[in-house]
Amino acid sequence: MKFITLTCQVLFLTLVFLIGQSISQWLHLPVPGSIIGLLLLFLLLHFKIIKLKWIEQGGNLLIGELLLFFIPAIVGLMNYGDVLKSFGIQIIIIITVSTIIVMSLTGIIAEYISKRKETSIE
């Protein structure tokens, strides 16, 4: 039964992704379909059209296996050896700085939300 639930949830998330892809292509938007699908999923959850529990297990499964989705991209880097030789240090610096910025902002926002929740509970 759990397998069927997970499968249905992952299929639903995939459907939302495909709808986002279709919207992006149909409207010729410069935004990737995956982002539109993510926005669509956010709106569905925000306006309570779907409940979090309907997709939570499938989403957790995908997040848990997220590293596997990066393997093709990393293997694809092998085709760009010349670029990595020429700009490798700059790429590493950009990745490091952007990671630090994202982690810092995520921490600041999470702390702000946490404090805001604490004050609303009191």
PDB file of N, CA and C in Angstrom:
ATOM      1  N   MET A   1       0.824  -1.202   0.000  1.00  0.00           N
ATOM      2  CA  MET A   1       0.000   0.000   0.000  1.00  0.00           C
ATOM      3  C   MET A   1       0.865   1.263   0.000  1.00  0.00           C
ATOM      4  N   LYS A   2       1.969   1.230   0.787  1.00  0.00           N
ATOM      5  CA  LYS A   2       2.851   2.396   0.841  1.00  0.00           C
ATOM      6  C   LYS A   2       3.496   2.648  -0.520  1.00  0.00           C
ATOM      7  N   PHE A   3       3.833   1.561  -1.218  1.00  0.00           N
ATOM      8  CA  PHE A   3       4.437   1.701  -2.545  1.00  0.00           C
ATOM      9  C   PHE A   3       3.470   2.401  -3.499  1.00  0.00           C
ATOM     10  N   ILE A   4       2.228   2.046  -3.441  1.00  0.00           N
ATOM     11  CA  ILE A   4       1.217   2.666  -4.320  1.00  0.00           C
ATOM     12  C   ILE A   4       1.055   4.141  -3.972  1.00  0.00           C
ATOM     13  N   THR A   5       1.029   4.446  -2.675  1.00  0.00           N
ATOM     14  CA  THR A   5       0.912   5.840  -2.239  1.00  0.00           C
ATOM     15  C   THR A   5       2.095   6.670  -2.738  1.00  0.00           C
ATOM     16  N   LEU A   6       3.309   6.148  -2.528  1.00  0.00           N
ATOM     17  CA  LEU A   6       4.507   6.860  -2.990  1.00  0.00           C
ATOM     18  C   LEU A   6       4.490   7.046  -4.496  1.00  0.00           C
ATOM     19  N   THR A   7       4.109   6.007  -5.209  1.00  0.00           N
ATOM     20  CA  THR A   7       4.072   6.081  -6.670  1.00  0.00           C
ATOM     21  C   THR A   7       3.084   7.145  -7.137  1.00  0.00           C
ATOM     22  N   CYS A   8       1.904   7.164  -6.548  1.00  0.00           N
ATOM     23  CA  CYS A   8       0.897   8.162  -6.926  1.00  0.00           C
ATOM     24  C   CYS A   8       1.374   9.579  -6.616  1.00  0.00           C
ATOM     25  N   GLN A   9       2.013   9.749  -5.455  1.00  0.00           N
ATOM     26  CA  GLN A   9       2.491  11.076  -5.096  1.00  0.00           C
ATOM     27  C   GLN A   9       3.604  11.550  -6.024  1.00  0.00           C
ATOM     28  N   VAL A  10       4.542  10.666  -6.341  1.00  0.00           N
ATOM     29  CA  VAL A  10       5.625  11.035  -7.258  1.00  0.00           C
ATOM     30  C   VAL A  10       5.060  11.308  -8.653  1.00  0.00           C
ATOM     31  N   LEU A  11       4.097  10.532  -9.082  1.00  0.00           N
ATOM     32  CA  LEU A  11       3.458  10.772 -10.382  1.00  0.00           C
ATOM     33  C   LEU A  11       2.742  12.119 -10.402  1.00  0.00           C
ATOM     34  N   PHE A  12       2.093  12.476  -9.292  1.00  0.00           N
ATOM     35  CA  PHE A  12       1.434  13.782  -9.224  1.00  0.00           C
ATOM     36  C   PHE A  12       2.458  14.909  -9.319  1.00  0.00           C
ATOM     37  N   LEU A  13       3.560  14.780  -8.581  1.00  0.00           N
ATOM     38  CA  LEU A  13       4.608  15.805  -8.648  1.00  0.00           C
ATOM     39  C   LEU A  13       5.195  15.890 -10.057  1.00  0.00           C
ATOM     40  N   THR A  14       5.334  14.748 -10.710  1.00  0.00           N
ATOM     41  CA  THR A  14       5.823  14.734 -12.086  1.00  0.00           C
ATOM     42  C   THR A  14       4.825  15.417 -13.016  1.00  0.00           C
ATOM     43  N   LEU A  15       3.540  15.184 -12.791  1.00  0.00           N
ATOM     44  CA  LEU A  15       2.502  15.823 -13.597  1.00  0.00           C
ATOM     45  C   LEU A  15       2.557  17.344 -13.450  1.00  0.00           C
ATOM     46  N   VAL A  16       2.738  17.822 -12.231  1.00  0.00           N
ATOM     47  CA  VAL A  16       2.845  19.268 -12.005  1.00  0.00           C
ATOM     48  C   VAL A  16       4.067  19.814 -12.746  1.00  0.00           C
ATOM     49  N   PHE A  17       5.170  19.085 -12.705  1.00  0.00           N
ATOM     50  CA  PHE A  17       6.376  19.484 -13.440  1.00  0.00           C
ATOM     51  C   PHE A  17       6.092  19.562 -14.942  1.00  0.00           C
ATOM     52  N   LEU A  18       5.429  18.539 -15.481  1.00  0.00           N
ATOM     53  CA  LEU A  18       5.130  18.511 -16.918  1.00  0.00           C
ATOM     54  C   LEU A  18       4.166  19.623 -17.321  1.00  0.00           C
ATOM     55  N   ILE A  19       3.221  19.939 -16.443  1.00  0.00           N
ATOM     56  CA  ILE A  19       2.323  21.064 -16.718  1.00  0.00           C
ATOM     57  C   ILE A  19       3.119  22.358 -16.759  1.00  0.00           C
ATOM     58  N   GLY A  20       4.043  22.518 -15.825  1.00  0.00           N
ATOM     59  CA  GLY A  20       4.911  23.703 -15.833  1.00  0.00           C
ATOM     60  C   GLY A  20       5.737  23.780 -17.107  1.00  0.00           C
ATOM     61  N   GLN A  21       6.273  22.644 -17.556  1.00  0.00           N
ATOM     62  CA  GLN A  21       7.032  22.608 -18.810  1.00  0.00           C
ATOM     63  C   GLN A  21       6.147  23.039 -19.975  1.00  0.00           C
ATOM     64  N   SER A  22       4.934  22.520 -20.010  1.00  0.00           N
ATOM     65  CA  SER A  22       4.002  22.842 -21.096  1.00  0.00           C
ATOM     66  C   SER A  22       3.650  24.325 -21.107  1.00  0.00           C
ATOM     67  N   ILE A  23       3.399  24.880 -19.936  1.00  0.00           N
ATOM     68  CA  ILE A  23       3.076  26.309 -19.837  1.00  0.00           C
ATOM     69  C   ILE A  23       4.243  27.143 -20.329  1.00  0.00           C
ATOM     70  N   SER A  24       5.451  26.773 -19.917  1.00  0.00           N
ATOM     71  CA  SER A  24       6.648  27.517 -20.331  1.00  0.00           C
ATOM     72  C   SER A  24       6.823  27.487 -21.843  1.00  0.00           C
ATOM     73  N   GLN A  25       6.626  26.311 -22.447  1.00  0.00           N
ATOM     74  CA  GLN A  25       6.784  26.188 -23.902  1.00  0.00           C
ATOM     75  C   GLN A  25       5.645  26.875 -24.645  1.00  0.00           C
ATOM     76  N   TRP A  26       4.438  26.709 -24.160  1.00  0.00           N
ATOM     77  CA  TRP A  26       3.266  27.251 -24.842  1.00  0.00           C
ATOM     78  C   TRP A  26       3.275  28.772 -24.856  1.00  0.00           C
ATOM     79  N   LEU A  27       3.695  29.386 -23.729  1.00  0.00           N
ATOM     80  CA  LEU A  27       3.726  30.840 -23.624  1.00  0.00           C
ATOM     81  C   LEU A  27       5.079  31.430 -24.018  1.00  0.00           C
ATOM     82  N   HIS A  28       6.028  30.568 -24.403  1.00  0.00           N
ATOM     83  CA  HIS A  28       7.381  31.002 -24.802  1.00  0.00           C
ATOM     84  C   HIS A  28       8.016  31.878 -23.713  1.00  0.00           C
ATOM     85  N   LEU A  29       7.929  31.407 -22.491  1.00  0.00           N
ATOM     86  CA  LEU A  29       8.477  32.151 -21.354  1.00  0.00           C
ATOM     87  C   LEU A  29       9.969  31.884 -21.221  1.00  0.00           C
ATOM     88  N   PRO A  30      10.725  32.883 -20.759  1.00  0.00           N
ATOM     89  CA  PRO A  30      12.160  32.673 -20.553  1.00  0.00           C
ATOM     90  C   PRO A  30      12.454  31.968 -19.220  1.00  0.00           C
ATOM     91  N   VAL A  31      11.424  31.486 -18.548  1.00  0.00           N
ATOM     92  CA  VAL A  31      11.563  30.819 -17.255  1.00  0.00           C
ATOM     93  C   VAL A  31      11.450  29.313 -17.492  1.00  0.00           C
ATOM     94  N   PRO A  32      12.322  28.517 -16.892  1.00  0.00           N
ATOM     95  CA  PRO A  32      12.232  27.059 -17.063  1.00  0.00           C
ATOM     96  C   PRO A  32      10.896  26.516 -16.559  1.00  0.00           C
ATOM     97  N   GLY A  33      10.417  25.490 -17.210  1.00  0.00           N
ATOM     98  CA  GLY A  33       9.164  24.868 -16.826  1.00  0.00           C
ATOM     99  C   GLY A  33       9.180  24.310 -15.422  1.00  0.00           C
ATOM    100  N   SER A  34      10.346  23.873 -14.969  1.00  0.00           N
ATOM    101  CA  SER A  34      10.438  23.337 -13.609  1.00  0.00           C
ATOM    102  C   SER A  34      10.125  24.412 -12.570  1.00  0.00           C
ATOM    103  N   ILE A  35      10.542  25.634 -12.833  1.00  0.00           N
ATOM    104  CA  ILE A  35      10.255  26.742 -11.916  1.00  0.00           C
ATOM    105  C   ILE A  35       8.767  27.069 -11.937  1.00  0.00           C
ATOM    106  N   ILE A  36       8.182  27.051 -13.109  1.00  0.00           N
ATOM    107  CA  ILE A  36       6.744  27.302 -13.214  1.00  0.00           C
ATOM    108  C   ILE A  36       5.978  26.190 -12.503  1.00  0.00           C
ATOM    109  N   GLY A  37       6.419  24.945 -12.670  1.00  0.00           N
ATOM    110  CA  GLY A  37       5.790  23.833 -11.968  1.00  0.00           C
ATOM    111  C   GLY A  37       5.908  23.983 -10.462  1.00  0.00           C
ATOM    112  N   LEU A  38       7.059  24.433  -9.993  1.00  0.00           N
ATOM    113  CA  LEU A  38       7.259  24.652  -8.566  1.00  0.00           C
ATOM    114  C   LEU A  38       6.336  25.755  -8.056  1.00  0.00           C
ATOM    115  N   LEU A  39       6.204  26.820  -8.825  1.00  0.00           N
ATOM    116  CA  LEU A  39       5.291  27.904  -8.473  1.00  0.00           C
ATOM    117  C   LEU A  39       3.845  27.403  -8.460  1.00  0.00           C
ATOM    118  N   LEU A  40       3.489  26.602  -9.446  1.00  0.00           N
ATOM    119  CA  LEU A  40       2.151  26.020  -9.508  1.00  0.00           C
ATOM    120  C   LEU A  40       1.892  25.142  -8.271  1.00  0.00           C
ATOM    121  N   LEU A  41       2.855  24.324  -7.900  1.00  0.00           N
ATOM    122  CA  LEU A  41       2.719  23.477  -6.715  1.00  0.00           C
ATOM    123  C   LEU A  41       2.571  24.328  -5.456  1.00  0.00           C
ATOM    124  N   PHE A  42       3.350  25.394  -5.368  1.00  0.00           N
ATOM    125  CA  PHE A  42       3.237  26.304  -4.228  1.00  0.00           C
ATOM    126  C   PHE A  42       1.835  26.897  -4.141  1.00  0.00           C
ATOM    127  N   LEU A  43       1.307  27.346  -5.282  1.00  0.00           N
ATOM    128  CA  LEU A  43      -0.031  27.935  -5.287  1.00  0.00           C
ATOM    129  C   LEU A  43      -1.099  26.906  -4.911  1.00  0.00           C
ATOM    130  N   LEU A  44      -0.953  25.685  -5.412  1.00  0.00           N
ATOM    131  CA  LEU A  44      -1.897  24.630  -5.059  1.00  0.00           C
ATOM    132  C   LEU A  44      -1.893  24.357  -3.558  1.00  0.00           C
ATOM    133  N   LEU A  45      -0.718  24.363  -2.964  1.00  0.00           N
ATOM    134  CA  LEU A  45      -0.607  24.141  -1.519  1.00  0.00           C
ATOM    135  C   LEU A  45      -1.084  25.364  -0.728  1.00  0.00           C
ATOM    136  N   HIS A  46      -0.701  26.535  -1.194  1.00  0.00           N
ATOM    137  CA  HIS A  46      -1.042  27.773  -0.474  1.00  0.00           C
ATOM    138  C   HIS A  46      -2.549  27.988  -0.411  1.00  0.00           C
ATOM    139  N   PHE A  47      -3.216  27.769  -1.514  1.00  0.00           N
ATOM    140  CA  PHE A  47      -4.665  27.974  -1.557  1.00  0.00           C
ATOM    141  C   PHE A  47      -5.442  26.721  -1.142  1.00  0.00           C
ATOM    142  N   LYS A  48      -4.695  25.750  -0.609  1.00  0.00           N
ATOM    143  CA  LYS A  48      -5.275  24.523  -0.061  1.00  0.00           C
ATOM    144  C   LYS A  48      -6.128  23.755  -1.078  1.00  0.00           C
ATOM    145  N   ILE A  49      -5.727  23.832  -2.340  1.00  0.00           N
ATOM    146  CA  ILE A  49      -6.368  23.026  -3.375  1.00  0.00           C
ATOM    147  C   ILE A  49      -5.937  21.571  -3.200  1.00  0.00           C
ATOM    148  N   ILE A  50      -4.680  21.397  -2.829  1.00  0.00           N
ATOM    149  CA  ILE A  50      -4.197  20.071  -2.432  1.00  0.00           C
ATOM    150  C   ILE A  50      -3.633  20.192  -1.024  1.00  0.00           C
ATOM    151  N   LYS A  51      -3.650  19.100  -0.301  1.00  0.00           N
ATOM    152  CA  LYS A  51      -3.116  19.091   1.053  1.00  0.00           C
ATOM    153  C   LYS A  51      -1.693  18.558   1.030  1.00  0.00           C
ATOM    154  N   LEU A  52      -0.881  19.067   1.939  1.00  0.00           N
ATOM    155  CA  LEU A  52       0.514  18.646   2.023  1.00  0.00           C
ATOM    156  C   LEU A  52       0.630  17.140   2.209  1.00  0.00           C
ATOM    157  N   LYS A  53      -0.250  16.561   3.008  1.00  0.00           N
ATOM    158  CA  LYS A  53      -0.148  15.122   3.265  1.00  0.00           C
ATOM    159  C   LYS A  53      -0.378  14.288   2.000  1.00  0.00           C
ATOM    160  N   TRP A  54      -0.994  14.879   0.983  1.00  0.00           N
ATOM    161  CA  TRP A  54      -1.231  14.167  -0.273  1.00  0.00           C
ATOM    162  C   TRP A  54       0.056  13.970  -1.071  1.00  0.00           C
ATOM    163  N   ILE A  55       1.074  14.806  -0.823  1.00  0.00           N
ATOM    164  CA  ILE A  55       2.324  14.714  -1.597  1.00  0.00           C
ATOM    165  C   ILE A  55       3.563  14.622  -0.724  1.00  0.00           C
ATOM    166  N   GLU A  56       3.399  14.666   0.575  1.00  0.00           N
ATOM    167  CA  GLU A  56       4.546  14.763   1.487  1.00  0.00           C
ATOM    168  C   GLU A  56       5.494  13.577   1.388  1.00  0.00           C
ATOM    169  N   GLN A  57       4.986  12.367   1.406  1.00  0.00           N
ATOM    170  CA  GLN A  57       5.860  11.190   1.364  1.00  0.00           C
ATOM    171  C   GLN A  57       6.609  11.110   0.036  1.00  0.00           C
ATOM    172  N   GLY A  58       5.919  11.386  -1.062  1.00  0.00           N
ATOM    173  CA  GLY A  58       6.573  11.375  -2.373  1.00  0.00           C
ATOM    174  C   GLY A  58       7.636  12.452  -2.483  1.00  0.00           C
ATOM    175  N   GLY A  59       7.341  13.639  -1.937  1.00  0.00           N
ATOM    176  CA  GLY A  59       8.318  14.724  -1.937  1.00  0.00           C
ATOM    177  C   GLY A  59       9.533  14.387  -1.097  1.00  0.00           C
ATOM    178  N   ASN A  60       9.295  13.784   0.067  1.00  0.00           N
ATOM    179  CA  ASN A  60      10.412  13.379   0.931  1.00  0.00           C
ATOM    180  C   ASN A  60      11.274  12.316   0.256  1.00  0.00           C
ATOM    181  N   LEU A  61      10.639  11.403  -0.465  1.00  0.00           N
ATOM    182  CA  LEU A  61      11.392  10.389  -1.199  1.00  0.00           C
ATOM    183  C   LEU A  61      12.294  11.037  -2.247  1.00  0.00           C
ATOM    184  N   LEU A  62      11.744  11.977  -3.003  1.00  0.00           N
ATOM    185  CA  LEU A  62      12.531  12.654  -4.041  1.00  0.00           C
ATOM    186  C   LEU A  62      13.662  13.474  -3.433  1.00  0.00           C
ATOM    187  N   ILE A  63      13.401  14.141  -2.326  1.00  0.00           N
ATOM    188  CA  ILE A  63      14.458  14.918  -1.665  1.00  0.00           C
ATOM    189  C   ILE A  63      15.543  13.989  -1.136  1.00  0.00           C
ATOM    190  N   GLY A  64      15.123  12.848  -0.593  1.00  0.00           N
ATOM    191  CA  GLY A  64      16.091  11.885  -0.076  1.00  0.00           C
ATOM    192  C   GLY A  64      17.008  11.329  -1.153  1.00  0.00           C
ATOM    193  N   GLU A  65      16.518  11.245  -2.373  1.00  0.00           N
ATOM    194  CA  GLU A  65      17.304  10.709  -3.487  1.00  0.00           C
ATOM    195  C   GLU A  65      17.822  11.816  -4.405  1.00  0.00           C
ATOM    196  N   LEU A  66      17.804  13.047  -3.934  1.00  0.00           N
ATOM    197  CA  LEU A  66      18.174  14.198  -4.759  1.00  0.00           C
ATOM    198  C   LEU A  66      19.571  14.095  -5.342  1.00  0.00           C
ATOM    199  N   LEU A  67      20.494  13.545  -4.574  1.00  0.00           N
ATOM    200  CA  LEU A  67      21.874  13.437  -5.037  1.00  0.00           C
ATOM    201  C   LEU A  67      21.968  12.657  -6.346  1.00  0.00           C
ATOM    202  N   LEU A  68      21.114  11.660  -6.516  1.00  0.00           N
ATOM    203  CA  LEU A  68      21.138  10.860  -7.745  1.00  0.00           C
ATOM    204  C   LEU A  68      20.824  11.692  -8.986  1.00  0.00           C
ATOM    205  N   PHE A  69      20.050  12.758  -8.809  1.00  0.00           N
ATOM    206  CA  PHE A  69      19.683  13.594  -9.953  1.00  0.00           C
ATOM    207  C   PHE A  69      20.853  14.444 -10.447  1.00  0.00           C
ATOM    208  N   PHE A  70      21.889  14.584  -9.628  1.00  0.00           N
ATOM    209  CA  PHE A  70      23.041  15.387 -10.025  1.00  0.00           C
ATOM    210  C   PHE A  70      24.100  14.566 -10.756  1.00  0.00           C
ATOM    211  N   ILE A  71      24.023  13.256 -10.686  1.00  0.00           N
ATOM    212  CA  ILE A  71      25.033  12.414 -11.318  1.00  0.00           C
ATOM    213  C   ILE A  71      25.144  12.670 -12.822  1.00  0.00           C
ATOM    214  N   PRO A  72      24.031  12.721 -13.583  1.00  0.00           N
ATOM    215  CA  PRO A  72      24.174  12.989 -15.028  1.00  0.00           C
ATOM    216  C   PRO A  72      24.836  14.335 -15.311  1.00  0.00           C
ATOM    217  N   ALA A  73      24.530  15.348 -14.507  1.00  0.00           N
ATOM    218  CA  ALA A  73      25.141  16.660 -14.721  1.00  0.00           C
ATOM    219  C   ALA A  73      26.639  16.617 -14.456  1.00  0.00           C
ATOM    220  N   ILE A  74      27.032  15.909 -13.423  1.00  0.00           N
ATOM    221  CA  ILE A  74      28.454  15.818 -13.088  1.00  0.00           C
ATOM    222  C   ILE A  74      29.202  15.020 -14.156  1.00  0.00           C
ATOM    223  N   VAL A  75      28.603  13.935 -14.621  1.00  0.00           N
ATOM    224  CA  VAL A  75      29.230  13.146 -15.687  1.00  0.00           C
ATOM    225  C   VAL A  75      29.329  13.982 -16.965  1.00  0.00           C
ATOM    226  N   GLY A  76      28.324  14.810 -17.200  1.00  0.00           N
ATOM    227  CA  GLY A  76      28.332  15.686 -18.376  1.00  0.00           C
ATOM    228  C   GLY A  76      29.465  16.694 -18.361  1.00  0.00           C
ATOM    229  N   LEU A  77      29.986  17.021 -17.175  1.00  0.00           N
ATOM    230  CA  LEU A  77      31.104  17.957 -17.089  1.00  0.00           C
ATOM    231  C   LEU A  77      32.355  17.425 -17.781  1.00  0.00           C
ATOM    232  N   MET A  78      32.446  16.126 -17.929  1.00  0.00           N
ATOM    233  CA  MET A  78      33.613  15.534 -18.568  1.00  0.00           C
ATOM    234  C   MET A  78      33.764  16.015 -20.017  1.00  0.00           C
ATOM    235  N   ASN A  79      32.666  16.451 -20.618  1.00  0.00           N
ATOM    236  CA  ASN A  79      32.714  16.970 -21.992  1.00  0.00           C
ATOM    237  C   ASN A  79      33.314  18.366 -22.062  1.00  0.00           C
ATOM    238  N   TYR A  80      33.481  19.015 -20.919  1.00  0.00           N
ATOM    239  CA  TYR A  80      33.948  20.400 -20.898  1.00  0.00           C
ATOM    240  C   TYR A  80      35.298  20.529 -20.187  1.00  0.00           C
ATOM    241  N   GLY A  81      36.174  19.583 -20.429  1.00  0.00           N
ATOM    242  CA  GLY A  81      37.493  19.602 -19.805  1.00  0.00           C
ATOM    243  C   GLY A  81      38.273  20.866 -20.097  1.00  0.00           C
ATOM    244  N   ASP A  82      38.210  21.354 -21.342  1.00  0.00           N
ATOM    245  CA  ASP A  82      38.941  22.572 -21.719  1.00  0.00           C
ATOM    246  C   ASP A  82      38.448  23.783 -20.920  1.00  0.00           C
ATOM    247  N   VAL A  83      37.136  23.877 -20.773  1.00  0.00           N
ATOM    248  CA  VAL A  83      36.556  24.999 -20.020  1.00  0.00           C
ATOM    249  C   VAL A  83      36.990  24.909 -18.562  1.00  0.00           C
ATOM    250  N   LEU A  84      36.959  23.707 -18.009  1.00  0.00           N
ATOM    251  CA  LEU A  84      37.357  23.541 -16.608  1.00  0.00           C
ATOM    252  C   LEU A  84      38.834  23.852 -16.404  1.00  0.00           C
ATOM    253  N   LYS A  85      39.675  23.502 -17.395  1.00  0.00           N
ATOM    254  CA  LYS A  85      41.102  23.819 -17.290  1.00  0.00           C
ATOM    255  C   LYS A  85      41.322  25.328 -17.331  1.00  0.00           C
ATOM    256  N   SER A  86      40.574  26.011 -18.187  1.00  0.00           N
ATOM    257  CA  SER A  86      40.756  27.458 -18.351  1.00  0.00           C
ATOM    258  C   SER A  86      40.130  28.266 -17.217  1.00  0.00           C
ATOM    259  N   PHE A  87      38.938  27.858 -16.787  1.00  0.00           N
ATOM    260  CA  PHE A  87      38.192  28.674 -15.829  1.00  0.00           C
ATOM    261  C   PHE A  87      37.878  27.940 -14.526  1.00  0.00           C
ATOM    262  N   GLY A  88      38.566  26.851 -14.241  1.00  0.00           N
ATOM    263  CA  GLY A  88      38.263  26.023 -13.077  1.00  0.00           C
ATOM    264  C   GLY A  88      38.300  26.762 -11.759  1.00  0.00           C
ATOM    265  N   ILE A  89      39.348  27.558 -11.540  1.00  0.00           N
ATOM    266  CA  ILE A  89      39.483  28.296 -10.277  1.00  0.00           C
ATOM    267  C   ILE A  89      38.363  29.315 -10.139  1.00  0.00           C
ATOM    268  N   GLN A  90      38.056  30.018 -11.226  1.00  0.00           N
ATOM    269  CA  GLN A  90      36.977  31.014 -11.174  1.00  0.00           C
ATOM    270  C   GLN A  90      35.631  30.346 -10.899  1.00  0.00           C
ATOM    271  N   ILE A  91      35.402  29.195 -11.505  1.00  0.00           N
ATOM    272  CA  ILE A  91      34.149  28.468 -11.283  1.00  0.00           C
ATOM    273  C   ILE A  91      34.045  28.035  -9.827  1.00  0.00           C
ATOM    274  N   ILE A  92      35.143  27.528  -9.277  1.00  0.00           N
ATOM    275  CA  ILE A  92      35.140  27.095  -7.872  1.00  0.00           C
ATOM    276  C   ILE A  92      34.885  28.283  -6.942  1.00  0.00           C
ATOM    277  N   ILE A  93      35.491  29.419  -7.227  1.00  0.00           N
ATOM    278  CA  ILE A  93      35.274  30.618  -6.405  1.00  0.00           C
ATOM    279  C   ILE A  93      33.814  31.054  -6.474  1.00  0.00           C
ATOM    280  N   ILE A  94      33.251  31.085  -7.675  1.00  0.00           N
ATOM    281  CA  ILE A  94      31.850  31.493  -7.840  1.00  0.00           C
ATOM    282  C   ILE A  94      30.916  30.530  -7.103  1.00  0.00           C
ATOM    283  N   ILE A  95      31.167  29.237  -7.240  1.00  0.00           N
ATOM    284  CA  ILE A  95      30.332  28.241  -6.555  1.00  0.00           C
ATOM    285  C   ILE A  95      30.442  28.398  -5.046  1.00  0.00           C
ATOM    286  N   THR A  96      31.655  28.602  -4.546  1.00  0.00           N
ATOM    287  CA  THR A  96      31.858  28.750  -3.102  1.00  0.00           C
ATOM    288  C   THR A  96      31.164  29.995  -2.571  1.00  0.00           C
ATOM    289  N   VAL A  97      31.364  31.123  -3.232  1.00  0.00           N
ATOM    290  CA  VAL A  97      30.753  32.378  -2.773  1.00  0.00           C
ATOM    291  C   VAL A  97      29.234  32.294  -2.849  1.00  0.00           C
ATOM    292  N   SER A  98      28.703  31.775  -3.947  1.00  0.00           N
ATOM    293  CA  SER A  98      27.246  31.692  -4.069  1.00  0.00           C
ATOM    294  C   SER A  98      26.665  30.715  -3.048  1.00  0.00           C
ATOM    295  N   THR A  99      27.366  29.635  -2.750  1.00  0.00           N
ATOM    296  CA  THR A  99      26.902  28.691  -1.723  1.00  0.00           C
ATOM    297  C   THR A  99      26.869  29.358  -0.356  1.00  0.00           C
ATOM    298  N   ILE A 100      27.894  30.113  -0.039  1.00  0.00           N
ATOM    299  CA  ILE A 100      27.934  30.820   1.245  1.00  0.00           C
ATOM    300  C   ILE A 100      26.783  31.821   1.335  1.00  0.00           C
ATOM    301  N   ILE A 101      26.538  32.546   0.263  1.00  0.00           N
ATOM    302  CA  ILE A 101      25.439  33.517   0.255  1.00  0.00           C
ATOM    303  C   ILE A 101      24.094  32.820   0.453  1.00  0.00           C
ATOM    304  N   VAL A 102      23.864  31.736  -0.292  1.00  0.00           N
ATOM    305  CA  VAL A 102      22.590  31.015  -0.180  1.00  0.00           C
ATOM    306  C   VAL A 102      22.418  30.438   1.217  1.00  0.00           C
ATOM    307  N   MET A 103      23.465  29.831   1.762  1.00  0.00           N
ATOM    308  CA  MET A 103      23.368  29.250   3.108  1.00  0.00           C
ATOM    309  C   MET A 103      23.127  30.334   4.153  1.00  0.00           C
ATOM    310  N   SER A 104      23.795  31.459   4.020  1.00  0.00           N
ATOM    311  CA  SER A 104      23.623  32.552   4.979  1.00  0.00           C
ATOM    312  C   SER A 104      22.207  33.113   4.923  1.00  0.00           C
ATOM    313  N   LEU A 105      21.729  33.396   3.722  1.00  0.00           N
ATOM    314  CA  LEU A 105      20.378  33.929   3.581  1.00  0.00           C
ATOM    315  C   LEU A 105      19.326  32.933   4.059  1.00  0.00           C
ATOM    316  N   THR A 106      19.532  31.653   3.780  1.00  0.00           N
ATOM    317  CA  THR A 106      18.602  30.632   4.252  1.00  0.00           C
ATOM    318  C   THR A 106      18.574  30.609   5.772  1.00  0.00           C
ATOM    319  N   GLY A 107      19.734  30.685   6.412  1.00  0.00           N
ATOM    320  CA  GLY A 107      19.797  30.718   7.868  1.00  0.00           C
ATOM    321  C   GLY A 107      19.121  31.949   8.447  1.00  0.00           C
ATOM    322  N   ILE A 108      19.364  33.094   7.838  1.00  0.00           N
ATOM    323  CA  ILE A 108      18.766  34.343   8.317  1.00  0.00           C
ATOM    324  C   ILE A 108      17.248  34.285   8.190  1.00  0.00           C
ATOM    325  N   ILE A 109      16.770  33.828   7.052  1.00  0.00           N
ATOM    326  CA  ILE A 109      15.318  33.739   6.827  1.00  0.00           C
ATOM    327  C   ILE A 109      14.689  32.708   7.770  1.00  0.00           C
ATOM    328  N   ALA A 110      15.342  31.560   7.948  1.00  0.00           N
ATOM    329  CA  ALA A 110      14.811  30.535   8.850  1.00  0.00           C
ATOM    330  C   ALA A 110      14.751  31.057  10.282  1.00  0.00           C
ATOM    331  N   GLU A 111      15.769  31.778  10.694  1.00  0.00           N
ATOM    332  CA  GLU A 111      15.778  32.352  12.043  1.00  0.00           C
ATOM    333  C   GLU A 111      14.666  33.383  12.202  1.00  0.00           C
ATOM    334  N   TYR A 112      14.479  34.220  11.191  1.00  0.00           N
ATOM    335  CA  TYR A 112      13.418  35.227  11.214  1.00  0.00           C
ATOM    336  C   TYR A 112      12.043  34.572  11.322  1.00  0.00           C
ATOM    337  N   ILE A 113      11.827  33.533  10.516  1.00  0.00           N
ATOM    338  CA  ILE A 113      10.538  32.830  10.548  1.00  0.00           C
ATOM    339  C   ILE A 113      10.335  32.153  11.896  1.00  0.00           C
ATOM    340  N   SER A 114      11.391  31.554  12.420  1.00  0.00           N
ATOM    341  CA  SER A 114      11.309  30.888  13.721  1.00  0.00           C
ATOM    342  C   SER A 114      10.946  31.878  14.822  1.00  0.00           C
ATOM    343  N   LYS A 115      11.589  33.032  14.844  1.00  0.00           N
ATOM    344  CA  LYS A 115      11.280  34.049  15.848  1.00  0.00           C
ATOM    345  C   LYS A 115       9.858  34.584  15.672  1.00  0.00           C
ATOM    346  N   ARG A 116       9.452  34.729  14.424  1.00  0.00           N
ATOM    347  CA  ARG A 116       8.098  35.212  14.138  1.00  0.00           C
ATOM    348  C   ARG A 116       7.049  34.207  14.617  1.00  0.00           C
ATOM    349  N   LYS A 117       7.312  32.929  14.436  1.00  0.00           N
ATOM    350  CA  LYS A 117       6.394  31.897  14.917  1.00  0.00           C
ATOM    351  C   LYS A 117       6.334  31.902  16.448  1.00  0.00           C
ATOM    352  N   GLU A 118       7.484  32.081  17.096  1.00  0.00           N
ATOM    353  CA  GLU A 118       7.525  32.110  18.554  1.00  0.00           C
ATOM    354  C   GLU A 118       6.708  33.274  19.109  1.00  0.00           C
ATOM    355  N   THR A 119       6.816  34.428  18.477  1.00  0.00           N
ATOM    356  CA  THR A 119       6.066  35.590  18.967  1.00  0.00           C
ATOM    357  C   THR A 119       4.574  35.450  18.684  1.00  0.00           C
ATOM    358  N   SER A 120       4.212  34.762  17.619  1.00  0.00           N
ATOM    359  CA  SER A 120       2.780  34.599  17.320  1.00  0.00           C
ATOM    360  C   SER A 120       2.146  33.572  18.238  1.00  0.00           C
ATOM    361  N   ILE A 121       2.944  32.625  18.756  1.00  0.00           N
ATOM    362  CA  ILE A 121       2.422  31.607  19.677  1.00  0.00           C
ATOM    363  C   ILE A 121       2.168  32.232  21.053  1.00  0.00           C
ATOM    364  N   GLU A 122       3.040  33.129  21.449  1.00  0.00           N
ATOM    365  CA  GLU A 122       2.910  33.774  22.769  1.00  0.00           C
ATOM    366  C   GLU A 122       1.801  34.744  22.722  1.00  0.00           C
TER     367      GLU A 122
END
